Amino acid sequence: MVNITERAAEKAKALLEAREVPEGALRVFVAGGGCSGYQYGMAIARASEAGDIVLEQFGVRLVVDPESAQYLEGAEIDYVDDIMKSGFSIFNPNATKSCACGSSFQTEDGSGQPRSCC
């Protein structure tokens, strides 16, 4: 399943506290779209939904729906803060192609719904 680095978990916890949902979770999902066919998404979840996979790492809860889980197996969420970009970043071993912005990817089967994203 998906993993989160300690640095990303600290940022996620701070985000949840700033949004006044300290007991909430970080929902990580995959949707059709982006220039490579699939795109990553993240949202604050106040609660999990039926069928969700719920994980806790470094004190933060991650929620992933079953459909997205198949594309996120073995993925790692990190937080990048450098001169070019600040934000969450996902390293996904299932991605065979990614776009330059890093938010869109393609899998070996080439499925998905490519469209402009950058």
Protein backbone atom coordinates (compact mmCIF):
# COMPACT_ATOMS: atom_id res chain seq x y z
CA MET A 1 0.00 0.00 0.00
CA VAL A 2 0.96 3.66 -0.06
CA ASN A 3 3.52 5.00 2.44
CA ILE A 4 4.20 8.51 3.68
CA THR A 5 7.54 9.92 4.77
CA GLU A 6 7.92 11.47 8.19
CA ARG A 7 8.42 14.91 6.61
CA ALA A 8 5.18 14.58 4.59
CA ALA A 9 3.31 13.30 7.65
CA GLU A 10 4.38 16.36 9.66
CA LYS A 11 3.13 18.66 6.87
CA ALA A 12 -0.14 16.72 6.62
CA LYS A 13 -0.70 16.95 10.41
CA ALA A 14 -0.01 20.70 10.31
CA LEU A 15 -2.48 21.08 7.43
CA LEU A 16 -5.18 19.14 9.29
CA GLU A 17 -4.66 21.26 12.41
CA ALA A 18 -4.72 24.51 10.40
CA ARG A 19 -8.03 23.43 8.84
CA GLU A 20 -9.30 22.58 12.33
CA VAL A 21 -9.71 18.87 11.60
CA PRO A 22 -6.91 17.35 13.72
CA GLU A 23 -8.79 14.01 13.88
CA GLY A 24 -9.24 13.99 10.10
CA ALA A 25 -7.19 12.19 7.48
CA LEU A 26 -5.39 12.82 4.23
CA ARG A 27 -7.38 11.25 1.39
CA VAL A 28 -5.12 10.17 -1.48
CA PHE A 29 -6.76 9.23 -4.76
CA VAL A 30 -6.21 8.64 -8.46
CA ALA A 31 -8.59 10.01 -11.10
CA GLY A 32 -8.67 9.81 -14.87
CA GLY A 33 -7.14 12.82 -16.59
CA GLY A 34 -3.93 14.77 -16.72
CA CYS A 35 -1.67 14.70 -19.75
CA SER A 36 -0.58 11.10 -19.07
CA GLY A 37 -3.98 9.51 -18.41
CA TYR A 38 -4.23 9.47 -14.62
CA GLN A 39 -3.70 12.17 -12.05
CA TYR A 40 -3.06 12.19 -8.33
CA GLY A 41 -5.29 14.01 -5.92
CA MET A 42 -5.33 14.74 -2.21
CA ALA A 43 -8.06 16.10 0.01
CA ILE A 44 -8.85 16.44 3.67
CA ALA A 45 -11.23 13.72 4.86
CA ARG A 46 -13.27 14.23 8.00
CA ALA A 47 -14.18 10.52 8.00
CA SER A 48 -13.56 7.41 5.95
CA GLU A 49 -16.20 5.93 3.65
CA ALA A 50 -17.37 2.33 3.35
CA GLY A 51 -14.69 0.23 1.66
CA ASP A 52 -11.87 2.74 2.22
CA ILE A 53 -8.44 1.52 3.20
CA VAL A 54 -7.30 3.42 6.30
CA LEU A 55 -3.64 3.50 7.31
CA GLU A 56 -1.82 5.39 10.04
CA GLN A 57 1.84 6.30 9.69
CA PHE A 58 3.87 8.80 11.72
CA GLY A 59 0.69 9.94 13.49
CA VAL A 60 -1.31 10.82 10.38
CA ARG A 61 -4.16 8.83 8.89
CA LEU A 62 -4.24 8.13 5.17
CA VAL A 63 -7.49 7.15 3.45
CA VAL A 64 -7.48 5.47 0.03
CA ASP A 65 -10.48 4.19 -1.91
CA PRO A 66 -10.19 0.64 -3.31
CA GLU A 67 -10.12 1.79 -6.96
CA SER A 68 -7.20 4.15 -6.33
CA ALA A 69 -5.37 1.61 -4.17
CA GLN A 70 -4.53 -0.56 -7.18
CA TYR A 71 -2.59 2.34 -8.75
CA LEU A 72 -0.90 3.38 -5.50
CA GLU A 73 0.52 0.02 -4.40
CA GLY A 74 4.08 0.68 -3.19
CA ALA A 75 3.84 4.45 -3.76
CA GLU A 76 5.51 6.92 -1.39
CA ILE A 77 4.23 10.38 -0.50
CA ASP A 78 6.93 12.91 0.37
CA TYR A 79 7.00 16.65 0.91
CA VAL A 80 9.36 18.63 -1.31
CA ASP A 81 10.50 22.14 -0.43
CA ASP A 82 13.11 23.53 -2.77
CA ILE A 83 13.71 26.56 -4.97
CA MET A 84 11.49 25.21 -7.80
CA LYS A 85 8.59 23.63 -5.93
CA SER A 86 7.01 23.17 -2.53
CA GLY A 87 4.32 20.58 -1.90
CA PHE A 88 3.45 16.94 -1.67
CA SER A 89 5.08 14.65 -4.21
CA ILE A 90 4.26 11.02 -5.01
CA PHE A 91 6.84 8.48 -6.15
CA ASN A 92 4.89 5.68 -7.80
CA PRO A 93 6.66 2.49 -8.94
CA ASN A 94 3.56 1.63 -11.03
CA ALA A 95 3.99 4.70 -13.24
CA THR A 96 5.65 3.94 -16.56
CA LYS A 97 5.39 7.57 -17.71
CA SER A 98 4.90 10.84 -15.85
CA CYS A 99 4.41 14.39 -16.97
CA ALA A 100 6.83 17.17 -16.08
CA CYS A 101 4.63 18.58 -13.32
CA GLY A 102 4.61 15.19 -11.55
CA SER A 103 0.86 15.15 -10.94
CA SER A 104 -0.07 12.94 -13.90
CA PHE A 105 1.08 9.44 -14.78
CA GLN A 106 0.48 6.47 -17.05
CA THR A 107 0.54 2.77 -16.18
CA GLU A 108 1.86 -0.13 -18.22
CA ASP A 109 -1.59 -0.88 -19.67
CA GLY A 110 -1.77 2.68 -21.06
CA SER A 111 -5.34 3.19 -19.88
CA GLY A 112 -6.65 6.47 -18.55
CA GLN A 113 -8.04 9.64 -20.07
CA PRO A 114 -5.20 11.94 -21.17
CA ARG A 115 -5.92 15.66 -21.40
CA SER A 116 -3.94 18.84 -20.89
CA CYS A 117 -2.90 19.45 -17.28
CA CYS A 118 0.21 21.64 -17.24
